[in-house]
């Protein structure tokens, strides 16, 4: 049973590192592809600061 839990924790850790860093060109492209209605207030603020007002 402990092995299963360890594998699940490992998978979560590995998958959490897959998103692009906020403000990077890849992140800006991902946000452009994402529907504007699905953005959080923090994402919209970060997008404006890092992708529009460079």
Protein backbone atom coordinates (compact mmCIF):
# COMPACT_ATOMS: atom_id res chain seq x y z
CA UNK A 1 0.00 0.00 0.00
CA UNK A 2 2.87 2.39 0.77
CA UNK A 3 4.29 1.75 -2.67
CA UNK A 4 1.08 2.89 -4.32
CA UNK A 5 1.04 6.10 -2.28
CA UNK A 6 4.68 6.77 -3.10
CA UNK A 7 3.99 6.28 -6.81
CA UNK A 8 1.00 8.63 -6.68
CA UNK A 9 3.01 11.33 -4.90
CA UNK A 10 5.82 10.95 -7.41
CA UNK A 11 3.42 11.31 -10.33
CA UNK A 12 1.92 14.49 -8.85
CA UNK A 13 5.36 16.00 -8.34
CA UNK A 14 6.42 15.17 -11.87
CA UNK A 15 3.27 16.59 -13.43
CA UNK A 16 3.33 19.79 -11.41
CA UNK A 17 6.59 20.84 -13.05
CA UNK A 18 5.14 20.85 -16.56
CA UNK A 19 3.63 24.34 -16.66
CA UNK A 20 5.56 27.23 -18.16
CA UNK A 21 6.93 29.98 -15.92
CA UNK A 22 4.64 32.99 -15.58
CA UNK A 23 5.77 35.73 -17.94
CA UNK A 24 7.71 33.48 -20.29
CA UNK A 25 6.90 33.55 -24.02
CA UNK A 26 5.47 30.02 -23.70
CA UNK A 27 3.18 31.11 -20.87
CA UNK A 28 1.98 34.11 -22.89
CA UNK A 29 1.22 31.82 -25.85
CA UNK A 30 -0.67 29.41 -23.56
CA UNK A 31 -2.72 32.30 -22.19
CA UNK A 32 -3.49 33.53 -25.72
CA UNK A 33 -4.86 30.07 -26.52
CA UNK A 34 -6.92 29.91 -23.30
CA UNK A 35 -10.43 31.43 -23.38
CA UNK A 36 -10.41 34.85 -21.72
CA UNK A 37 -13.46 33.91 -19.64
CA UNK A 38 -11.45 31.14 -17.97
CA UNK A 39 -8.65 33.45 -16.76
CA UNK A 40 -8.37 34.21 -13.07
CA UNK A 41 -7.83 37.79 -11.90
CA UNK A 42 -4.20 36.95 -11.10
CA UNK A 43 -3.64 35.46 -14.53
CA UNK A 44 -5.13 38.54 -16.23
CA UNK A 45 -2.92 40.83 -14.15
CA UNK A 46 0.19 38.77 -14.86
CA UNK A 47 -0.67 38.66 -18.57
CA UNK A 48 -1.01 42.44 -18.71
CA UNK A 49 2.26 43.00 -16.84
CA UNK A 50 4.34 40.41 -18.66
CA UNK A 51 2.87 40.00 -22.13
CA UNK A 52 1.38 43.38 -23.05
CA UNK A 53 3.37 45.98 -21.11
CA UNK A 54 6.86 44.60 -21.71
